[in-house]
Each structure stands twice: as structure tokens, then as C-alpha cells.
Amino acid sequence: MTYIAIFLTYVFINNFILVQFMGICPFIGVSKNSESAIGMGLAVTFVTGVTSAICWLVYYGILQPLHLEYLETVTFILVIASLVQLVEMVIRKISPSLYKALGIFLPLITTNCIVLGIALINITNNYNLLESFAAGVASGLGFTLAIILMSNIREKLDLTPVRKSFRGVPIAFITAGLMALAFMAFDKSLLSNLHLV
């Protein structure tokens, strides 16, 4: 699979949020304003890219030679947790306002299904190191695209008259459902039409 095909697959065709419905908690929780959505998206993109590469190295460099493949999930979670701690410390130092805006959702990147999901998918699909890194970055960019679109829509919804029973999270879920329907228009035929597979 080419790198362009990997990018299109994880940003549009198999978008973790809108097609596979993974990582919904930060998607709904942080998409209230664009600034925190962009910050969360960039943090998730960094974490997915770097953990994909590190998890690939750990799997093929340590677990597979020692025949410890059954420890991949536990090992990957430890790698992810360590990297998220590092990202959290960096954001706290660089941008205290963003750190405060992200709140509890920043440490929750550790339990974000997207980060572990892409690391496991990379191993399952037998991607090499660069393909794993590309898939990790693309899945993070897919998350970023979805959360930024959602934050822009939610900011506009705050200025629009919405029935009281639909305000807040209910209208966010309805919006997410409509966005998911739109993203389902992208399918694997896109790759074949572009002659990427």
C-alpha cells in the first residue's frame, strides 16, 4: 500500500471517529471550541504517530524475537501511557491555557482507543516502520479533521436557536451521526479509482 493510500484510508475511508466510532469521549468532550479541538487534535496526532513507530520497534525488536507476542497489548499500553505523560508535561510548560482547556481529556489520550487501535492495526497489516508511522500520523490527522469540523459546527450551533431538549450533547450526537453518514461516502473504491491499490 502506498503512503498516499495509507493517508487517504485513515483520514477519510476508515476515519477512527466517524467510521469506526473509536475515541468518541474526547471527540464530544473537547469539541466545544476550536482552540481546544486543535490542541487535542495535534496532541493525538503526535501521540499516534510516535507510538505507532515505537510500538512497531518494540514488537519486532523485542517481543517477536523473544516469542512474547502475547504481551503486545500490555506493552503497547505502557508505551502509550509513558508518551502521553511526556506530552502532558510539554503542553503544561508550553501552553498552560491549552492545558487547562483540555483538562481531564489530555491524560485520557492514554485510554483513547485510537492510539492503541492504530498500533495493533499496524502489526496486523504487517506494515513496515515507515508505513506504521504514516498510518499513525494519518489516523491522528483523521481525528483532528473530525474534531475541528465538529468544533466549528458546535460553535455555530451555540448561536442558533435549538430546542432546549436538544441543546448540548444531544445535538452534538446528532451532528456526529450526520458527519459519520457523510464520511461513509468515502470507501475503498476511492483508492481504486485513484489507482492507489
C-alpha atoms as a PDB file:
ATOM      1  CA  MET A   1       0.000   0.000   0.000  1.00  0.00           C
ATOM      2  CA  THR A   2       1.402   3.404  -0.933  1.00  0.00           C
ATOM      3  CA  TYR A   3       1.770   6.175   1.596  1.00  0.00           C
ATOM      4  CA  ILE A   4      -0.915   8.219  -0.174  1.00  0.00           C
ATOM      5  CA  ALA A   5      -3.290   5.256   0.081  1.00  0.00           C
ATOM      6  CA  ILE A   6      -2.490   4.897   3.798  1.00  0.00           C
ATOM      7  CA  PHE A   7      -3.135   8.607   4.302  1.00  0.00           C
ATOM      8  CA  LEU A   8      -6.485   8.547   2.460  1.00  0.00           C
ATOM      9  CA  THR A   9      -7.513   5.338   4.225  1.00  0.00           C
ATOM     10  CA  TYR A  10      -7.034   6.599   7.781  1.00  0.00           C
ATOM     11  CA  VAL A  11      -8.115  10.205   7.237  1.00  0.00           C
ATOM     12  CA  PHE A  12     -11.249   9.583   5.154  1.00  0.00           C
ATOM     13  CA  ILE A  13     -12.138   5.939   4.429  1.00  0.00           C
ATOM     14  CA  ASN A  14     -11.514   4.418   7.877  1.00  0.00           C
ATOM     15  CA  ASN A  15     -11.652   7.585   9.978  1.00  0.00           C
ATOM     16  CA  PHE A  16     -11.476   6.292  13.540  1.00  0.00           C
ATOM     17  CA  ILE A  17     -14.076   8.746  14.862  1.00  0.00           C
ATOM     18  CA  LEU A  18     -16.669   8.912  12.119  1.00  0.00           C
ATOM     19  CA  VAL A  19     -16.404   5.439  10.557  1.00  0.00           C
ATOM     20  CA  GLN A  20     -15.045   3.149  13.283  1.00  0.00           C
ATOM     21  CA  PHE A  21     -16.539   5.121  16.216  1.00  0.00           C
ATOM     22  CA  MET A  22     -13.411   4.947  18.370  1.00  0.00           C
ATOM     23  CA  GLY A  23     -12.312   7.855  20.567  1.00  0.00           C
ATOM     24  CA  ILE A  24     -15.794   9.355  20.924  1.00  0.00           C
ATOM     25  CA  CYS A  25     -15.265  10.594  24.518  1.00  0.00           C
ATOM     26  CA  PRO A  26     -12.643  13.277  23.721  1.00  0.00           C
ATOM     27  CA  PHE A  27     -14.384  13.954  20.402  1.00  0.00           C
ATOM     28  CA  ILE A  28     -17.587  15.048  22.164  1.00  0.00           C
ATOM     29  CA  GLY A  29     -15.897  16.446  25.286  1.00  0.00           C
ATOM     30  CA  VAL A  30     -13.260  18.677  23.686  1.00  0.00           C
ATOM     31  CA  SER A  31     -15.111  19.821  20.560  1.00  0.00           C
ATOM     32  CA  LYS A  32     -16.890  22.716  22.288  1.00  0.00           C
ATOM     33  CA  ASN A  33     -14.424  25.295  20.944  1.00  0.00           C
ATOM     34  CA  SER A  34     -11.914  25.335  18.115  1.00  0.00           C
ATOM     35  CA  GLU A  35      -8.810  26.194  20.155  1.00  0.00           C
ATOM     36  CA  SER A  36      -9.051  23.170  22.431  1.00  0.00           C
ATOM     37  CA  ALA A  37     -10.103  20.975  19.475  1.00  0.00           C
ATOM     38  CA  ILE A  38      -6.979  21.926  17.514  1.00  0.00           C
ATOM     39  CA  GLY A  39      -4.777  21.372  20.580  1.00  0.00           C
ATOM     40  CA  MET A  40      -6.305  17.963  21.270  1.00  0.00           C
ATOM     41  CA  GLY A  41      -6.061  17.005  17.605  1.00  0.00           C
ATOM     42  CA  LEU A  42      -2.381  17.907  17.420  1.00  0.00           C
ATOM     43  CA  ALA A  43      -1.641  16.088  20.685  1.00  0.00           C
ATOM     44  CA  VAL A  44      -3.426  12.937  19.460  1.00  0.00           C
ATOM     45  CA  THR A  45      -1.658  13.144  16.077  1.00  0.00           C
ATOM     46  CA  PHE A  46       1.735  13.393  17.769  1.00  0.00           C
ATOM     47  CA  VAL A  47       0.949  10.510  20.125  1.00  0.00           C
ATOM     48  CA  THR A  48      -0.461   8.217  17.406  1.00  0.00           C
ATOM     49  CA  GLY A  49       2.476   8.861  15.087  1.00  0.00           C
ATOM     50  CA  VAL A  50       5.215   8.363  17.653  1.00  0.00           C
ATOM     51  CA  THR A  51       3.571   5.418  19.449  1.00  0.00           C
ATOM     52  CA  SER A  52       2.965   3.654  16.137  1.00  0.00           C
ATOM     53  CA  ALA A  53       6.694   3.783  15.388  1.00  0.00           C
ATOM     54  CA  ILE A  54       7.780   2.900  18.937  1.00  0.00           C
ATOM     55  CA  CYS A  55       5.270   0.046  19.232  1.00  0.00           C
ATOM     56  CA  TRP A  56       6.457  -1.341  15.880  1.00  0.00           C
ATOM     57  CA  LEU A  57      10.072  -1.255  17.100  1.00  0.00           C
ATOM     58  CA  VAL A  58       9.144  -2.876  20.417  1.00  0.00           C
ATOM     59  CA  TYR A  59       7.080  -5.601  18.722  1.00  0.00           C
ATOM     60  CA  TYR A  60       9.584  -6.544  16.017  1.00  0.00           C
ATOM     61  CA  GLY A  61      12.713  -5.753  18.046  1.00  0.00           C
ATOM     62  CA  ILE A  62      11.812  -7.291  21.412  1.00  0.00           C
ATOM     63  CA  LEU A  63       8.511  -9.173  21.566  1.00  0.00           C
ATOM     64  CA  GLN A  64       8.764 -11.200  18.355  1.00  0.00           C
ATOM     65  CA  PRO A  65      12.411 -12.345  18.769  1.00  0.00           C
ATOM     66  CA  LEU A  66      11.673 -13.411  22.362  1.00  0.00           C
ATOM     67  CA  HIS A  67       8.364 -15.062  21.336  1.00  0.00           C
ATOM     68  CA  LEU A  68       6.417 -12.748  23.654  1.00  0.00           C
ATOM     69  CA  GLU A  69       3.857 -11.598  21.082  1.00  0.00           C
ATOM     70  CA  TYR A  70       1.055 -12.298  23.568  1.00  0.00           C
ATOM     71  CA  LEU A  71       2.286  -9.304  25.615  1.00  0.00           C
ATOM     72  CA  GLU A  72       1.740  -6.811  22.777  1.00  0.00           C
ATOM     73  CA  THR A  73      -1.388  -5.157  24.218  1.00  0.00           C
ATOM     74  CA  VAL A  74       0.097  -4.670  27.696  1.00  0.00           C
ATOM     75  CA  THR A  75       3.398  -3.454  26.265  1.00  0.00           C
ATOM     76  CA  PHE A  76       1.700  -1.049  23.857  1.00  0.00           C
ATOM     77  CA  ILE A  77      -0.398   0.418  26.676  1.00  0.00           C
ATOM     78  CA  LEU A  78       2.776   1.051  28.718  1.00  0.00           C
ATOM     79  CA  VAL A  79       4.410   2.788  25.736  1.00  0.00           C
ATOM     80  CA  ILE A  80       1.284   4.910  25.161  1.00  0.00           C
ATOM     81  CA  ALA A  81       0.959   5.870  28.846  1.00  0.00           C
ATOM     82  CA  SER A  82       4.612   6.948  29.002  1.00  0.00           C
ATOM     83  CA  LEU A  83       4.364   9.053  25.858  1.00  0.00           C
ATOM     84  CA  VAL A  84       1.134  10.736  26.979  1.00  0.00           C
ATOM     85  CA  GLN A  85       2.814  11.699  30.273  1.00  0.00           C
ATOM     86  CA  LEU A  86       5.569  13.341  28.250  1.00  0.00           C
ATOM     87  CA  VAL A  87       3.066  15.194  26.023  1.00  0.00           C
ATOM     88  CA  GLU A  88       1.121  16.343  29.084  1.00  0.00           C
ATOM     89  CA  MET A  89       4.259  17.782  30.718  1.00  0.00           C
ATOM     90  CA  VAL A  90       5.266  19.573  27.493  1.00  0.00           C
ATOM     91  CA  ILE A  91       1.798  21.127  26.976  1.00  0.00           C
ATOM     92  CA  ARG A  92       1.684  22.219  30.631  1.00  0.00           C
ATOM     93  CA  LYS A  93       5.005  24.070  30.180  1.00  0.00           C
ATOM     94  CA  ILE A  94       4.405  25.482  26.683  1.00  0.00           C
ATOM     95  CA  SER A  95       0.711  26.440  26.868  1.00  0.00           C
ATOM     96  CA  PRO A  96      -0.888  26.489  30.333  1.00  0.00           C
ATOM     97  CA  SER A  97      -4.144  27.845  28.854  1.00  0.00           C
ATOM     98  CA  LEU A  98      -4.403  24.914  26.422  1.00  0.00           C
ATOM     99  CA  TYR A  99      -3.505  22.524  29.246  1.00  0.00           C
ATOM    100  CA  LYS A 100      -6.349  23.972  31.322  1.00  0.00           C
ATOM    101  CA  ALA A 101      -8.783  23.895  28.361  1.00  0.00           C
ATOM    102  CA  LEU A 102      -8.055  20.235  27.629  1.00  0.00           C
ATOM    103  CA  GLY A 103      -8.440  19.382  31.299  1.00  0.00           C
ATOM    104  CA  ILE A 104      -9.081  15.714  32.061  1.00  0.00           C
ATOM    105  CA  PHE A 105      -9.189  14.822  28.365  1.00  0.00           C
ATOM    106  CA  LEU A 106      -5.416  15.198  27.979  1.00  0.00           C
ATOM    107  CA  PRO A 107      -4.472  12.285  30.267  1.00  0.00           C
ATOM    108  CA  LEU A 108      -7.385  10.377  28.724  1.00  0.00           C
ATOM    109  CA  ILE A 109      -5.387  10.153  25.477  1.00  0.00           C
ATOM    110  CA  THR A 110      -3.790   7.169  27.229  1.00  0.00           C
ATOM    111  CA  THR A 111      -7.113   5.339  27.123  1.00  0.00           C
ATOM    112  CA  ASN A 112      -8.125   6.698  23.721  1.00  0.00           C
ATOM    113  CA  CYS A 113      -8.965   3.665  21.596  1.00  0.00           C
ATOM    114  CA  ILE A 114      -7.459   5.299  18.512  1.00  0.00           C
ATOM    115  CA  VAL A 115      -3.916   5.244  19.863  1.00  0.00           C
ATOM    116  CA  LEU A 116      -3.937   1.555  20.813  1.00  0.00           C
ATOM    117  CA  GLY A 117      -6.101   0.657  17.811  1.00  0.00           C
ATOM    118  CA  ILE A 118      -3.698   2.006  15.201  1.00  0.00           C
ATOM    119  CA  ALA A 119      -0.696   0.377  16.917  1.00  0.00           C
ATOM    120  CA  LEU A 120      -2.445  -3.004  16.774  1.00  0.00           C
ATOM    121  CA  ILE A 121      -3.673  -2.451  13.191  1.00  0.00           C
ATOM    122  CA  ASN A 122      -0.107  -1.692  12.077  1.00  0.00           C
ATOM    123  CA  ILE A 123       1.055  -5.077  13.379  1.00  0.00           C
ATOM    124  CA  THR A 124      -1.981  -6.903  11.958  1.00  0.00           C
ATOM    125  CA  ASN A 125      -1.476  -5.353   8.496  1.00  0.00           C
ATOM    126  CA  ASN A 126       2.280  -6.130   8.549  1.00  0.00           C
ATOM    127  CA  TYR A 127       3.206  -2.509   7.884  1.00  0.00           C
ATOM    128  CA  ASN A 128       6.892  -1.671   7.921  1.00  0.00           C
ATOM    129  CA  LEU A 129       8.238   1.049  10.237  1.00  0.00           C
ATOM    130  CA  LEU A 130       7.566   3.975   7.873  1.00  0.00           C
ATOM    131  CA  GLU A 131       4.105   2.668   6.932  1.00  0.00           C
ATOM    132  CA  SER A 132       3.292   2.294  10.643  1.00  0.00           C
ATOM    133  CA  PHE A 133       4.400   5.858  11.327  1.00  0.00           C
ATOM    134  CA  ALA A 134       2.411   7.121   8.298  1.00  0.00           C
ATOM    135  CA  ALA A 135      -0.700   5.231   9.434  1.00  0.00           C
ATOM    136  CA  GLY A 136      -0.317   6.636  12.948  1.00  0.00           C
ATOM    137  CA  VAL A 137       0.019  10.211  11.718  1.00  0.00           C
ATOM    138  CA  ALA A 138      -2.852   9.767   9.241  1.00  0.00           C
ATOM    139  CA  SER A 139      -5.168   8.364  11.915  1.00  0.00           C
ATOM    140  CA  GLY A 140      -4.290  11.324  14.154  1.00  0.00           C
ATOM    141  CA  LEU A 141      -4.964  13.735  11.297  1.00  0.00           C
ATOM    142  CA  GLY A 142      -8.298  11.998  10.683  1.00  0.00           C
ATOM    143  CA  PHE A 143      -9.141  12.548  14.354  1.00  0.00           C
ATOM    144  CA  THR A 144      -8.003  16.182  14.052  1.00  0.00           C
ATOM    145  CA  LEU A 145     -10.119  16.763  10.949  1.00  0.00           C
ATOM    146  CA  ALA A 146     -13.210  15.287  12.602  1.00  0.00           C
ATOM    147  CA  ILE A 147     -12.807  17.198  15.882  1.00  0.00           C
ATOM    148  CA  ILE A 148     -12.128  20.534  14.148  1.00  0.00           C
ATOM    149  CA  LEU A 149     -15.172  20.114  11.893  1.00  0.00           C
ATOM    150  CA  MET A 150     -17.256  19.211  14.935  1.00  0.00           C
ATOM    151  CA  SER A 151     -15.978  22.179  16.974  1.00  0.00           C
ATOM    152  CA  ASN A 152     -16.827  24.607  14.153  1.00  0.00           C
ATOM    153  CA  ILE A 153     -20.328  23.176  13.859  1.00  0.00           C
ATOM    154  CA  ARG A 154     -20.855  23.252  17.641  1.00  0.00           C
ATOM    155  CA  GLU A 155     -19.717  26.885  17.848  1.00  0.00           C
ATOM    156  CA  LYS A 156     -22.303  27.778  15.198  1.00  0.00           C
ATOM    157  CA  LEU A 157     -24.971  25.706  16.977  1.00  0.00           C
ATOM    158  CA  ASP A 158     -24.368  27.726  20.158  1.00  0.00           C
ATOM    159  CA  LEU A 159     -25.507  30.822  18.255  1.00  0.00           C
ATOM    160  CA  THR A 160     -28.530  29.108  16.700  1.00  0.00           C
ATOM    161  CA  PRO A 161     -31.902  28.585  18.335  1.00  0.00           C
ATOM    162  CA  VAL A 162     -32.071  24.886  19.226  1.00  0.00           C
ATOM    163  CA  ARG A 163     -34.879  23.235  21.186  1.00  0.00           C
ATOM    164  CA  LYS A 164     -33.999  23.068  24.871  1.00  0.00           C
ATOM    165  CA  SER A 165     -34.156  19.253  24.916  1.00  0.00           C
ATOM    166  CA  PHE A 166     -31.571  19.057  22.101  1.00  0.00           C
ATOM    167  CA  ARG A 167     -29.043  21.622  23.400  1.00  0.00           C
ATOM    168  CA  GLY A 168     -25.546  20.472  24.322  1.00  0.00           C
ATOM    169  CA  VAL A 169     -24.639  16.802  23.994  1.00  0.00           C
ATOM    170  CA  PRO A 170     -27.836  15.621  22.230  1.00  0.00           C
ATOM    171  CA  ILE A 171     -27.363  17.939  19.258  1.00  0.00           C
ATOM    172  CA  ALA A 172     -23.648  17.051  19.269  1.00  0.00           C
ATOM    173  CA  PHE A 173     -24.502  13.355  18.852  1.00  0.00           C
ATOM    174  CA  ILE A 174     -26.996  14.123  16.078  1.00  0.00           C
ATOM    175  CA  THR A 175     -24.355  16.235  14.336  1.00  0.00           C
ATOM    176  CA  ALA A 176     -21.747  13.482  14.750  1.00  0.00           C
ATOM    177  CA  GLY A 177     -24.184  10.998  13.207  1.00  0.00           C
ATOM    178  CA  LEU A 178     -24.731  13.235  10.186  1.00  0.00           C
ATOM    179  CA  MET A 179     -20.971  13.729   9.828  1.00  0.00           C
ATOM    180  CA  ALA A 180     -20.485   9.940  10.014  1.00  0.00           C
ATOM    181  CA  LEU A 181     -23.003   9.483   7.189  1.00  0.00           C
ATOM    182  CA  ALA A 182     -21.079  11.991   5.087  1.00  0.00           C
ATOM    183  CA  PHE A 183     -17.762  10.226   5.737  1.00  0.00           C
ATOM    184  CA  MET A 184     -19.255   6.861   4.818  1.00  0.00           C
ATOM    185  CA  ALA A 185     -19.469   8.166   1.256  1.00  0.00           C
ATOM    186  CA  PHE A 186     -15.698   7.604   1.117  1.00  0.00           C
ATOM    187  CA  ASP A 187     -14.962   3.941   0.521  1.00  0.00           C
ATOM    188  CA  LYS A 188     -12.219   1.726  -0.844  1.00  0.00           C
ATOM    189  CA  SER A 189     -13.370   2.419  -4.415  1.00  0.00           C
ATOM    190  CA  LEU A 190     -11.809   5.877  -3.946  1.00  0.00           C
ATOM    191  CA  LEU A 191      -8.385   4.210  -3.753  1.00  0.00           C
ATOM    192  CA  SER A 192      -9.003   2.038  -6.806  1.00  0.00           C
ATOM    193  CA  ASN A 193     -10.350   4.992  -8.814  1.00  0.00           C
ATOM    194  CA  LEU A 194      -7.168   6.901  -7.974  1.00  0.00           C
ATOM    195  CA  HIS A 195      -5.131   3.770  -8.891  1.00  0.00           C
ATOM    196  CA  LEU A 196      -3.522   3.670  -5.455  1.00  0.00           C
ATOM    197  CA  VAL A 197      -4.183  -0.043  -4.780  1.00  0.00           C
END
